[in-house]
Protein backbone atom coordinates (compact mmCIF):
# COMPACT_ATOMS: atom_id res chain seq x y z
CA VAL A 1 0.00 0.00 0.00
CA ALA A 2 2.68 2.49 1.01
CA TYR A 3 4.51 2.16 -2.31
CA ALA A 4 1.54 1.62 -4.63
CA ALA A 5 1.27 3.66 -7.80
CA GLN A 6 -1.66 6.05 -8.18
CA GLY A 7 -4.45 4.67 -10.34
CA TYR A 8 -6.30 1.43 -10.95
CA GLY A 9 -4.88 -1.70 -9.34
CA GLN A 10 -5.38 -4.78 -7.17
CA PHE A 11 -4.49 -5.01 -3.49
CA TYR A 12 -4.33 -7.68 -0.78
CA GLY A 13 -4.49 -7.06 2.95
CA VAL A 14 -6.47 -7.41 6.16
CA GLY A 15 -9.65 -5.49 6.89
CA GLN A 16 -9.87 -3.33 10.00
CA SER A 17 -12.51 -0.90 11.21
CA PHE A 18 -11.91 2.66 12.38
CA ALA A 19 -11.34 2.92 16.13
CA GLU A 20 -14.52 4.92 16.73
CA GLN A 21 -16.70 3.23 14.13
CA ARG A 22 -19.79 1.26 15.19
CA THR A 23 -20.84 -0.77 12.18
CA LEU A 24 -23.07 -3.59 13.45
CA SER A 25 -24.80 -6.44 11.70
CA PRO A 26 -28.55 -5.66 11.60
CA PHE A 27 -29.39 -9.36 12.17
CA THR A 28 -26.87 -10.57 14.77
CA GLY A 29 -25.51 -7.32 16.17
CA LEU A 30 -21.96 -8.48 15.44
CA PRO A 31 -19.32 -5.80 14.78
CA CYS A 32 -18.44 -5.84 11.09
CA LEU A 33 -16.76 -3.85 8.34
CA TRP A 34 -19.66 -4.00 5.88
CA TYR A 35 -23.14 -5.54 5.60
CA HIS A 36 -25.85 -6.02 3.03
CA TYR A 37 -29.20 -7.51 3.95
CA LYS A 38 -32.39 -8.17 2.08
CA VAL A 39 -35.90 -9.16 3.14
CA TYR A 40 -38.14 -11.00 0.69
CA GLN A 41 -41.83 -11.83 0.98
CA GLN A 42 -42.93 -15.22 -0.27
CA THR A 43 -46.17 -15.05 -2.27
CA ASP A 44 -47.50 -17.54 -4.82
CA HIS A 45 -44.23 -19.49 -4.79
CA LYS A 46 -42.30 -16.33 -5.70
CA LYS A 47 -40.00 -14.09 -3.64
CA HIS A 48 -40.50 -10.34 -3.80
CA LEU A 49 -37.90 -7.95 -2.38
CA VAL A 50 -39.58 -5.74 0.25
CA HIS A 51 -36.59 -4.28 2.13
CA GLU A 52 -32.87 -3.84 1.49
CA VAL A 53 -30.08 -2.09 3.42
CA LEU A 54 -26.49 -1.67 2.21
CA SER A 55 -23.85 -0.18 4.51
CA SER A 56 -21.45 2.45 3.20
CA ASP A 57 -19.09 2.86 6.19
CA THR A 58 -15.44 3.08 5.22
CA PHE A 59 -12.77 0.78 6.69
CA PHE A 60 -9.03 0.13 6.48
CA LEU A 61 -7.16 -2.31 4.26
CA ILE A 62 -3.81 -3.04 5.92
CA ASP A 63 -0.73 -4.79 4.57
CA LYS A 64 2.90 -5.02 5.76
CA THR A 65 3.77 -1.61 4.31
CA GLY A 66 0.84 0.54 5.46
CA ARG A 67 -2.90 1.05 5.24
CA CYS A 68 -5.51 2.69 3.04
CA VAL A 69 -9.16 3.60 3.41
CA VAL A 70 -11.66 1.51 1.46
CA SER A 71 -14.87 3.27 0.47
CA PRO A 72 -17.23 0.35 -0.34
CA SER A 73 -19.96 2.42 -2.01
CA ALA A 74 -20.75 0.94 -5.44
CA ALA A 75 -18.41 -2.03 -4.86
CA GLN A 76 -19.18 -5.57 -5.94
CA VAL A 77 -18.62 -7.39 -2.64
CA LEU A 78 -17.93 -11.12 -2.59
CA THR A 79 -17.96 -12.73 0.85
CA CYS A 80 -18.04 -16.13 2.48
CA HIS A 81 -19.91 -14.72 5.50
CA THR A 82 -23.55 -15.26 4.57
CA ASP A 83 -26.62 -16.10 6.61
CA SER A 84 -30.32 -16.56 5.88
CA PHE A 85 -33.47 -17.71 7.62
CA VAL A 86 -37.23 -17.85 7.10
CA ARG A 87 -39.82 -16.36 9.44
CA ASP A 88 -43.50 -16.62 8.60
CA ASP A 89 -43.78 -15.59 4.94
CA TYR A 90 -40.50 -13.67 4.91
CA PHE A 91 -37.03 -14.74 3.80
CA TYR A 92 -34.07 -12.88 5.36
CA GLU A 93 -30.62 -12.81 3.80
CA GLU A 94 -27.45 -11.14 5.07
CA ARG A 95 -23.85 -10.84 3.83
CA LEU A 96 -20.96 -9.49 5.93
CA LEU A 97 -17.32 -8.49 5.82
CA LEU A 98 -15.69 -8.92 9.23
CA ALA A 99 -12.68 -7.30 10.87
CA GLN A 100 -9.47 -9.25 10.25
CA ASP A 101 -10.85 -10.77 7.05
CA LYS A 102 -8.17 -11.26 4.42
CA LEU A 103 -9.34 -9.02 1.59
CA PHE A 104 -8.71 -8.60 -2.11
CA VAL A 105 -9.62 -5.19 -3.55
CA LEU A 106 -9.62 -4.19 -7.21
CA GLY A 107 -10.23 -0.47 -7.58
CA ALA A 108 -8.96 3.08 -8.00
CA PHE A 109 -6.08 3.95 -5.64
CA SER A 110 -5.22 7.56 -4.80
CA THR A 111 -3.55 9.61 -2.09
CA GLN A 112 -5.78 12.27 -0.57
CA SER A 113 -5.00 15.34 1.53
CA ASN A 114 -6.71 15.44 4.92
CA LEU A 115 -5.69 19.01 5.65
CA ASP A 116 -8.44 20.79 3.71
CA ASN A 117 -10.98 18.17 2.75
CA LYS A 118 -14.39 19.65 3.57
CA ALA A 119 -16.02 18.21 0.45
CA THR A 120 -14.89 14.67 1.29
CA LEU A 121 -15.97 15.12 4.91
CA HIS A 122 -19.43 16.31 3.83
CA HIS A 123 -19.74 13.38 1.41
CA ALA A 124 -18.80 10.90 4.16
CA ILE A 125 -21.39 12.39 6.54
CA THR A 126 -24.07 12.20 3.84
CA ASP A 127 -23.21 8.55 3.14
CA LYS A 128 -23.40 7.65 6.83
CA LEU A 129 -26.76 9.41 7.26
CA SER A 130 -28.13 7.62 4.17
CA ALA A 131 -27.06 4.25 5.55
CA TRP A 132 -28.58 5.01 8.96
CA LYS A 133 -31.89 6.12 7.44
CA GLN A 134 -32.23 2.71 5.80
CA ASN A 135 -32.10 1.05 9.23
CA LYS A 136 -35.07 2.46 11.14
CA ALA A 137 -34.70 0.00 14.03
CA PHE A 138 -31.16 1.21 14.65
CA LEU A 139 -32.22 4.88 14.55
CA LEU A 140 -35.10 4.36 16.98
CA GLN A 141 -33.01 2.30 19.38
CA ARG A 142 -30.25 4.87 19.50
CA PHE A 143 -32.02 8.23 19.08
CA ASP A 144 -35.72 7.86 20.02
CA VAL A 145 -35.36 9.43 23.46
CA GLU A 146 -39.11 10.07 23.75
CA GLY A 147 -39.83 6.39 23.02
CA ASN A 148 -42.82 7.07 20.75
CA GLY A 149 -41.57 5.16 17.70
CA GLU A 150 -40.86 8.35 15.73
CA LEU A 151 -38.00 10.82 15.59
CA SER A 152 -38.77 14.46 16.34
CA LEU A 153 -36.94 17.36 14.69
CA ALA A 154 -34.70 17.65 17.76
CA GLU A 155 -33.92 13.93 17.63
CA TRP A 156 -33.12 14.15 13.89
CA GLU A 157 -30.70 16.96 14.72
CA ARG A 158 -29.01 14.62 17.22
CA VAL A 159 -28.80 12.00 14.45
CA ARG A 160 -27.02 14.49 12.19
CA GLU A 161 -24.68 15.57 14.99
CA ALA A 162 -23.83 11.95 15.84
CA ALA A 163 -23.07 11.15 12.19
CA GLU A 164 -20.84 14.21 11.93
CA GLN A 165 -19.00 13.32 15.15
CA GLU A 166 -18.40 9.73 14.04
CA VAL A 167 -17.07 10.80 10.63
CA GLN A 168 -14.82 13.44 12.21
CA ALA A 169 -13.49 10.81 14.61
CA GLU A 170 -12.79 8.52 11.66
CA PHE A 171 -10.95 11.30 9.80
CA ALA A 172 -8.99 12.16 12.94
CA THR A 173 -7.42 8.69 12.89
CA LEU A 174 -5.97 9.44 9.46
CA GLU A 175 -2.65 11.09 8.76
CA SER A 176 -2.44 14.49 7.03
CA ALA A 177 -2.32 12.49 3.78
CA TYR A 178 -3.99 9.13 3.43
CA HIS A 179 -4.52 6.48 0.77
CA LEU A 180 -7.99 5.73 -0.62
CA LEU A 181 -9.44 2.81 -2.60
CA GLU A 182 -12.76 3.49 -4.30
CA LYS A 183 -14.72 3.03 -7.52
CA SER A 184 -12.99 4.29 -10.63
CA SER A 185 -14.44 7.32 -12.40
CA ASN A 186 -13.99 5.35 -15.65
CA ALA A 187 -16.62 2.79 -14.55
CA LEU A 188 -14.04 -0.01 -14.26
CA PRO A 189 -14.99 -2.90 -11.92
CA PHE A 190 -14.68 -2.19 -8.21
CA ILE A 191 -14.39 -5.49 -6.33
CA VAL A 192 -13.96 -6.22 -2.61
CA ALA A 193 -13.71 -9.90 -1.68
CA ASN A 194 -12.75 -12.09 1.28
CA THR A 195 -12.63 -15.37 -0.63
CA THR A 196 -9.35 -17.30 -0.83
CA PRO A 197 -6.53 -15.96 -3.00
CA GLU A 198 -6.70 -19.09 -5.16
CA ILE A 199 -10.38 -18.57 -5.99
CA ILE A 200 -9.84 -14.85 -6.50
CA SER A 201 -6.94 -15.51 -8.85
CA LEU A 202 -8.95 -17.98 -10.89
CA ARG A 203 -12.04 -15.79 -11.12
CA TYR A 204 -10.48 -12.37 -11.56
CA ALA A 205 -7.00 -12.74 -13.03
CA ARG A 206 -8.34 -12.25 -16.55
CA VAL A 207 -10.72 -9.49 -15.44
CA ALA A 208 -7.95 -7.64 -13.60
CA THR A 209 -5.56 -7.92 -16.56
CA MET A 210 -8.21 -6.67 -18.96
CA CYS A 211 -9.18 -3.76 -16.69
CA LEU A 212 -5.57 -2.75 -16.14
CA SER A 213 -5.05 -2.78 -19.91
CA ILE A 214 -8.08 -0.55 -20.36
CA ALA A 215 -6.85 1.79 -17.64
CA ILE A 216 -3.42 2.08 -19.27
CA PHE A 217 -5.07 2.72 -22.64
CA LEU A 218 -7.23 5.49 -21.16
CA LEU A 219 -4.15 7.17 -19.68
CA LEU A 220 -2.34 7.25 -23.04
């Protein structure tokens, strides 16, 4: 990571959450790096998607040389941590990335300045608020002080303040300049996976080579 060239590339490392980050699995409550869950309703032998929540919290990818921030928004995530169950007429499905998972990331690598980064900070706060709003149970449990099942304007203001504080705490753990892995502006594949290196190599060696060739061509 520390010596990586700027641009599109593939990286291996271990996933780690920010010190102040509280990303929890909606189903089990387990601390995690990333989650995606869906709820389907079974009707007439068909499943219809009725609810879906996708986390967007950033996390670290760490190797022997350093660390970088992974922004999982718009990533294709492949994980071996999956769970599902049926309750009444509903089918629940969840996928997770956990801390200390060995990760493979294919995406756009860049070094960002953390000295004057108000736009990035605002974007991170907006992403966190969007993710929270998708999880009403979490919002009510944490911010519904009045206990009436709804959030008042004052409580929504506390939601915004909490999101801002968490993002600022995350940014405070970063150096004045930090590395970032995210989706390429050229619409190249953005992949985050915790499957074995052998499976990753077999499935994505050709894809990675092709994408790197395209990236080089676009830079010419």
